[in-house]
């Protein structure tokens, strides 16, 4: 379908030429005055992506709809800030690194971030609007958890802010990539990268999805002497399912992240337990406490010594790196099907 602005431009040019031929000297408008004509050809992959208001408009300005409403983006963003680990992980795959001008402390911390090594030299910001404004960004793309008063402060100084919710299911993950690519003016790279991520996911679930008997898996962590479990709708739960397991907490009716007792672990009787907290925050101590707890001796995962510490940042982030978590868990669950380590990372924008 031809965008309305391009249709109007064609009509203007046709009428202008007709008038010239009849000795009239009305000037023909320049195509430079029509922003949508300066973009690349529309991509069919952008259709039906939530947040893209007009997928046919690949020029500037363009409009997107985030959780905080519609936002007009006047020109290609050259100075990007997200203030969100998951968004930073997505951004470095879509734009040249120099366009991401500053990041939060967590994005530079290898405990939490899968791209910390790429961001080590970036200036550090907090969610204080003053620290962000000091970096002179021309767009902020961030999570729903960015404070509303901070969004208002940034918008008062004419910095566009787009809040998007990153999600862990396969279709939403691809839509996240395509939406961010559109916001950044990197549609072609986004389509290319979405295909790469889809291929990794499909390669995994082609094997795990064919399993008739699936082991029950429980994702646990312990903070402040409270045991937390990841239930239905959690990132960890989606990883368990992609890896070919059954989320024991979801089966027990638990939604989201909830605290449980040792009795709850006994009732759920998982065949495998994965500990998703960082080693630096007591993962090994928690593992030993579970294995040594007399009350848990008959739990299958305990008496078979199937309690595994996993790389926390692959299981708790919200980005395409969750696929790496599913690949690692699949190697634990199905070692004969996945004898070799998967690729460590993903391609980057250049």
Protein backbone atom coordinates (compact mmCIF):
# COMPACT_ATOMS: atom_id res chain seq x y z
CA UNK A 1 0.00 0.00 0.00
CA UNK A 2 1.40 3.47 -0.92
CA UNK A 3 1.55 5.79 2.14
CA UNK A 4 -0.82 8.76 1.95
CA UNK A 5 2.05 11.23 2.03
CA UNK A 6 3.73 9.59 -0.94
CA UNK A 7 0.40 9.43 -2.81
CA UNK A 8 -0.04 13.16 -2.18
CA UNK A 9 3.49 13.86 -3.37
CA UNK A 10 2.88 11.97 -6.64
CA UNK A 11 -0.30 13.95 -7.23
CA UNK A 12 1.48 17.26 -6.58
CA UNK A 13 4.27 16.40 -9.03
CA UNK A 14 1.77 15.32 -11.74
CA UNK A 15 -0.26 18.51 -11.40
CA UNK A 16 2.87 20.65 -11.37
CA UNK A 17 4.15 19.12 -14.62
CA UNK A 18 0.76 19.64 -16.27
CA UNK A 19 0.78 23.31 -15.35
CA UNK A 20 4.33 23.79 -16.63
CA UNK A 21 3.31 22.34 -19.99
CA UNK A 22 0.56 24.99 -20.21
CA UNK A 23 3.11 27.79 -19.60
CA UNK A 24 2.20 28.24 -15.95
CA UNK A 25 5.20 28.77 -13.62
CA UNK A 26 3.99 27.26 -10.35
CA UNK A 27 7.02 25.69 -8.53
CA UNK A 28 7.02 21.94 -7.85
CA UNK A 29 7.60 21.19 -4.16
CA UNK A 30 10.90 19.47 -3.28
CA UNK A 31 10.76 15.89 -2.02
CA UNK A 32 12.98 17.07 0.84
CA UNK A 33 9.89 18.75 2.27
CA UNK A 34 8.15 15.36 2.63
CA UNK A 35 9.81 13.54 5.58
CA UNK A 36 8.24 10.14 4.92
CA UNK A 37 9.74 10.10 1.41
CA UNK A 38 13.26 10.01 2.83
CA UNK A 39 12.88 6.60 4.51
CA UNK A 40 13.60 3.12 3.26
CA UNK A 41 10.93 1.01 1.64
CA UNK A 42 8.31 -0.23 4.13
CA UNK A 43 9.02 -3.64 5.66
CA UNK A 44 6.20 -6.14 5.85
CA UNK A 45 7.72 -7.49 9.09
CA UNK A 46 6.80 -4.22 10.82
CA UNK A 47 3.09 -4.69 10.29
CA UNK A 48 1.10 -5.70 13.36
CA UNK A 49 4.01 -4.91 15.69
CA UNK A 50 2.48 -3.33 18.80
CA UNK A 51 3.69 0.23 19.25
CA UNK A 52 4.42 1.02 15.58
CA UNK A 53 1.68 3.46 14.65
CA UNK A 54 2.32 3.61 10.89
CA UNK A 55 4.53 0.77 9.62
CA UNK A 56 4.53 2.32 6.13
CA UNK A 57 6.32 5.40 7.47
CA UNK A 58 10.03 4.59 7.52
CA UNK A 59 11.06 8.24 7.29
CA UNK A 60 11.12 11.05 9.85
CA UNK A 61 9.30 12.14 11.87
CA UNK A 62 7.66 8.92 12.99
CA UNK A 63 5.31 8.10 15.86
CA UNK A 64 5.34 5.20 18.28
CA UNK A 65 3.02 4.25 21.11
CA UNK A 66 4.55 3.20 24.39
CA UNK A 67 3.12 2.52 27.80
CA UNK A 68 3.31 6.26 28.48
CA UNK A 69 1.32 7.18 25.36
CA UNK A 70 2.29 8.26 21.85
CA UNK A 71 5.66 9.84 21.18
CA UNK A 72 6.85 11.67 18.08
CA UNK A 73 10.45 11.03 17.08
CA UNK A 74 11.59 13.90 14.87
CA UNK A 75 14.84 12.47 13.51
CA UNK A 76 17.18 9.48 13.69
CA UNK A 77 18.23 9.15 17.35
CA UNK A 78 22.00 9.52 17.59
CA UNK A 79 22.28 9.72 21.39
CA UNK A 80 20.30 6.96 23.09
CA UNK A 81 19.80 6.17 26.78
CA UNK A 82 17.61 3.41 28.21
CA UNK A 83 18.32 3.19 31.97
CA UNK A 84 17.27 -0.49 31.78
CA UNK A 85 19.46 -3.62 31.59
CA UNK A 86 17.14 -5.49 29.24
CA UNK A 87 16.77 -2.48 26.95
CA UNK A 88 20.54 -1.96 26.89
CA UNK A 89 21.02 -5.61 25.93
CA UNK A 90 18.57 -5.13 23.07
CA UNK A 91 20.02 -1.80 22.00
CA UNK A 92 23.61 -2.98 21.54
CA UNK A 93 22.37 -5.60 19.08
CA UNK A 94 20.55 -2.98 17.02
CA UNK A 95 22.65 0.18 16.84
CA UNK A 96 26.39 0.98 16.65
CA UNK A 97 27.75 1.13 20.17
CA UNK A 98 28.63 4.81 19.98
CA UNK A 99 24.94 5.72 19.73
CA UNK A 100 24.29 4.33 23.23
CA UNK A 101 25.80 7.23 25.15
CA UNK A 102 25.37 6.21 28.80
CA UNK A 103 24.06 3.28 30.87
CA UNK A 104 23.01 2.40 34.39
CA UNK A 105 25.35 0.70 36.85
CA UNK A 106 23.59 -2.66 36.52
CA UNK A 107 24.21 -2.74 32.77
CA UNK A 108 27.96 -2.51 33.46
CA UNK A 109 27.86 -5.21 36.14
CA UNK A 110 28.58 -8.72 34.79
CA UNK A 111 26.51 -10.19 37.62
CA UNK A 112 23.35 -8.82 36.04
CA UNK A 113 24.19 -7.84 32.48
CA UNK A 114 25.02 -10.02 29.50
CA UNK A 115 26.66 -7.09 27.69
CA UNK A 116 28.68 -5.64 30.58
CA UNK A 117 31.96 -6.11 28.72
CA UNK A 118 30.74 -3.95 25.84
CA UNK A 119 29.62 -1.16 28.14
CA UNK A 120 32.52 -0.92 30.57
CA UNK A 121 33.71 2.45 29.22
CA UNK A 122 30.28 4.05 28.97
CA UNK A 123 29.42 6.96 31.30
CA UNK A 124 27.22 5.84 34.19
CA UNK A 125 23.83 7.34 34.90
CA UNK A 126 21.15 6.83 37.51
CA UNK A 127 17.41 7.35 37.11
CA UNK A 128 17.84 10.88 38.39
CA UNK A 129 16.73 13.04 35.45
CA UNK A 130 19.62 15.46 36.02
CA UNK A 131 22.24 12.77 35.39
CA UNK A 132 20.42 11.76 32.20
CA UNK A 133 19.94 15.30 30.89
CA UNK A 134 23.67 15.92 31.44
CA UNK A 135 24.41 13.31 28.75
CA UNK A 136 22.41 15.30 26.18
CA UNK A 137 20.33 12.36 24.89
CA UNK A 138 17.90 12.80 22.01
CA UNK A 139 15.71 9.87 23.12
CA UNK A 140 15.08 7.74 26.20
CA UNK A 141 13.68 4.24 25.64
CA UNK A 142 13.11 2.55 28.96
CA UNK A 143 11.06 0.14 31.05
CA UNK A 144 7.72 0.58 32.83
CA UNK A 145 9.65 0.82 36.10
CA UNK A 146 11.22 4.18 35.27
CA UNK A 147 9.60 6.63 37.74
CA UNK A 148 6.69 8.64 36.33
CA UNK A 149 8.06 11.86 37.80
CA UNK A 150 11.32 11.18 35.98
CA UNK A 151 9.49 10.74 32.67
CA UNK A 152 7.67 14.03 33.24
CA UNK A 153 10.92 15.84 34.06
CA UNK A 154 12.58 14.60 30.86
CA UNK A 155 9.58 15.48 28.72
CA UNK A 156 9.53 19.01 30.17
CA UNK A 157 12.94 19.60 28.59
CA UNK A 158 11.72 18.17 25.26
CA UNK A 159 13.50 14.81 25.47
CA UNK A 160 11.23 12.13 23.95
CA UNK A 161 10.61 9.19 26.30
CA UNK A 162 9.20 5.83 25.19
CA UNK A 163 8.39 3.24 27.84
CA UNK A 164 8.12 -0.30 26.52
CA UNK A 165 7.51 -3.55 28.36
CA UNK A 166 9.99 -6.28 27.48
CA UNK A 167 8.48 -9.77 27.53
CA UNK A 168 9.80 -13.31 27.67
CA UNK A 169 7.54 -15.23 25.29
CA UNK A 170 8.84 -15.95 21.78
CA UNK A 171 6.47 -13.72 19.77
CA UNK A 172 6.71 -10.77 22.14
CA UNK A 173 10.52 -11.04 22.11
CA UNK A 174 10.56 -10.60 18.32
CA UNK A 175 8.10 -7.70 18.52
CA UNK A 176 10.34 -6.02 21.12
CA UNK A 177 13.28 -6.24 18.71
CA UNK A 178 11.27 -4.87 15.78
CA UNK A 179 9.77 -2.01 17.81
CA UNK A 180 13.14 -0.89 19.18
CA UNK A 181 14.65 -1.16 15.72
CA UNK A 182 11.89 1.10 14.38
CA UNK A 183 12.39 3.62 17.19
CA UNK A 184 16.13 3.74 16.47
CA UNK A 185 15.72 3.92 12.69
CA UNK A 186 17.35 0.48 12.29
CA UNK A 187 14.51 -1.45 10.66
CA UNK A 188 16.74 -3.55 8.40
CA UNK A 189 19.05 -4.54 11.24
CA UNK A 190 16.05 -5.32 13.47
CA UNK A 191 14.52 -7.64 10.88
CA UNK A 192 17.87 -9.35 10.40
CA UNK A 193 18.45 -9.75 14.13
CA UNK A 194 14.90 -10.95 14.82
CA UNK A 195 15.49 -13.70 12.25
CA UNK A 196 18.72 -14.69 14.05
CA UNK A 197 16.94 -14.87 17.41
CA UNK A 198 14.02 -16.79 15.90
CA UNK A 199 16.40 -19.31 14.35
CA UNK A 200 18.13 -19.94 17.70
CA UNK A 201 14.77 -20.40 19.41
CA UNK A 202 13.37 -22.68 16.71
CA UNK A 203 16.49 -24.84 16.66
CA UNK A 204 16.08 -25.42 20.39
CA UNK A 205 12.34 -26.08 20.56
CA UNK A 206 12.39 -28.38 17.54
CA UNK A 207 14.18 -30.83 19.84
CA UNK A 208 12.67 -30.00 23.22
CA UNK A 209 9.15 -29.64 21.88
CA UNK A 210 9.18 -33.23 20.68
CA UNK A 211 9.73 -34.65 24.17
CA UNK A 212 6.80 -36.75 25.39
CA UNK A 213 7.99 -37.04 28.98
CA UNK A 214 9.20 -33.81 30.54
CA UNK A 215 10.93 -33.52 33.93
CA UNK A 216 9.52 -31.17 36.54
CA UNK A 217 11.84 -28.25 37.31
CA UNK A 218 11.75 -25.75 40.15
CA UNK A 219 13.50 -22.36 39.91
CA UNK A 220 14.54 -21.22 43.39
CA UNK A 221 16.50 -18.39 44.98
CA UNK A 222 17.04 -17.30 48.58
CA UNK A 223 17.35 -13.75 49.81
CA UNK A 224 17.11 -12.52 53.40
CA UNK A 225 16.45 -16.11 54.53
CA UNK A 226 13.32 -16.32 52.38
CA UNK A 227 13.03 -18.89 49.60
CA UNK A 228 11.55 -17.55 46.37
CA UNK A 229 10.04 -19.65 43.60
CA UNK A 230 9.29 -18.65 40.00
CA UNK A 231 5.77 -19.66 38.95
CA UNK A 232 3.47 -19.17 36.00
CA UNK A 233 4.16 -16.05 33.92
CA UNK A 234 7.75 -15.71 35.14
CA UNK A 235 10.82 -15.39 32.95
CA UNK A 236 12.32 -18.48 34.56
CA UNK A 237 9.12 -20.40 33.86
CA UNK A 238 9.22 -19.56 30.15
CA UNK A 239 12.85 -20.72 30.02
CA UNK A 240 11.95 -24.01 31.71
CA UNK A 241 9.23 -24.64 29.14
CA UNK A 242 11.45 -23.75 26.16
CA UNK A 243 14.11 -26.12 27.50
CA UNK A 244 11.64 -29.00 27.59
CA UNK A 245 10.79 -29.04 31.27
CA UNK A 246 7.61 -28.55 33.28
CA UNK A 247 7.53 -25.66 35.72
CA UNK A 248 6.63 -27.41 38.96
CA UNK A 249 5.59 -24.15 40.61
CA UNK A 250 3.16 -23.31 37.80
CA UNK A 251 1.71 -26.80 38.03
CA UNK A 252 1.15 -26.17 41.74
CA UNK A 253 -0.84 -23.01 40.93
CA UNK A 254 1.82 -20.45 41.81
CA UNK A 255 1.87 -17.29 39.68
CA UNK A 256 4.80 -14.92 39.38
CA UNK A 257 7.40 -14.90 42.12
CA UNK A 258 6.29 -16.03 45.57
CA UNK A 259 7.94 -17.07 48.82
CA UNK A 260 7.61 -20.70 49.87
CA UNK A 261 8.68 -22.95 52.71
CA UNK A 262 10.62 -26.22 52.58
CA UNK A 263 7.26 -27.94 52.90
CA UNK A 264 6.26 -26.34 49.63
CA UNK A 265 9.33 -27.80 47.93
CA UNK A 266 8.41 -31.23 49.30
CA UNK A 267 4.85 -30.98 47.96
CA UNK A 268 6.03 -29.91 44.48
CA UNK A 269 8.62 -32.74 44.42
CA UNK A 270 10.73 -31.38 41.55
CA UNK A 271 13.01 -33.69 39.60
CA UNK A 272 15.48 -30.87 39.10
CA UNK A 273 16.09 -27.64 41.00
CA UNK A 274 17.85 -24.70 39.40
CA UNK A 275 19.17 -21.91 41.59
CA UNK A 276 18.91 -18.59 39.79
CA UNK A 277 20.66 -16.25 42.20
CA UNK A 278 24.26 -15.11 41.61
CA UNK A 279 27.15 -16.95 43.23
CA UNK A 280 28.18 -13.66 44.80
CA UNK A 281 24.87 -13.58 46.67
CA UNK A 282 24.99 -17.01 48.26
CA UNK A 283 23.96 -19.46 45.53
CA UNK A 284 26.41 -22.18 46.59
CA UNK A 285 25.48 -21.86 50.28
CA UNK A 286 21.83 -22.17 49.34
CA UNK A 287 22.56 -25.25 47.24
CA UNK A 288 24.38 -26.95 50.10
CA UNK A 289 21.59 -26.10 52.54
CA UNK A 290 19.04 -27.71 50.24
CA UNK A 291 21.13 -30.85 49.77
CA UNK A 292 21.75 -31.16 53.51
CA UNK A 293 18.18 -30.50 54.66
CA UNK A 294 16.90 -33.75 56.18
CA UNK A 295 13.32 -32.75 55.46
CA UNK A 296 14.06 -32.72 51.72
CA UNK A 297 15.80 -36.07 51.56
CA UNK A 298 13.00 -37.74 49.58
CA UNK A 299 12.56 -34.93 47.05
CA UNK A 300 13.74 -36.40 43.71
CA UNK A 301 16.00 -33.46 42.85
CA UNK A 302 17.70 -33.73 46.25
CA UNK A 303 18.20 -37.48 46.50
CA UNK A 304 19.49 -37.59 42.91
CA UNK A 305 21.79 -34.59 43.43
CA UNK A 306 20.13 -32.65 40.66
CA UNK A 307 20.42 -29.16 42.14
CA UNK A 308 22.14 -26.86 39.66
CA UNK A 309 23.36 -23.30 39.96
CA UNK A 310 22.72 -21.50 36.67
CA UNK A 311 24.02 -18.21 35.33
CA UNK A 312 21.61 -15.76 36.91
CA UNK A 313 21.84 -13.10 34.22
CA UNK A 314 20.60 -15.51 31.54
CA UNK A 315 17.52 -16.42 33.57
CA UNK A 316 16.45 -13.13 35.12
CA UNK A 317 17.01 -10.56 32.36
CA UNK A 318 14.26 -9.67 29.89
CA UNK A 319 15.83 -9.89 26.46
CA UNK A 320 16.86 -12.36 23.78
CA UNK A 321 19.55 -13.61 26.20
CA UNK A 322 16.83 -15.76 27.79
CA UNK A 323 17.35 -18.09 24.83
CA UNK A 324 20.89 -18.72 26.10
CA UNK A 325 19.39 -19.64 29.45
CA UNK A 326 17.03 -22.11 27.78
CA UNK A 327 19.92 -23.59 25.79
CA UNK A 328 21.95 -24.11 28.97
CA UNK A 329 19.03 -25.68 30.83
CA UNK A 330 18.30 -27.96 27.86
CA UNK A 331 21.88 -29.25 28.05
CA UNK A 332 21.25 -30.16 31.70
CA UNK A 333 17.90 -31.82 31.00
CA UNK A 334 18.80 -33.50 27.69
CA UNK A 335 22.60 -34.00 27.56
CA UNK A 336 22.40 -36.59 24.78
CA UNK A 337 20.47 -34.20 22.55
CA UNK A 338 22.73 -31.23 23.26
CA UNK A 339 26.27 -32.58 23.68
CA UNK A 340 27.99 -29.39 22.51
CA UNK A 341 27.84 -25.91 24.03
CA UNK A 342 25.74 -23.41 22.07
CA UNK A 343 27.19 -20.23 20.63
CA UNK A 344 28.19 -17.95 23.50
CA UNK A 345 26.59 -14.82 22.15
CA UNK A 346 24.67 -13.11 19.40
CA UNK A 347 25.71 -10.82 16.58
CA UNK A 348 26.18 -7.12 17.29
CA UNK A 349 25.34 -4.02 15.31
CA UNK A 350 28.28 -2.39 13.50
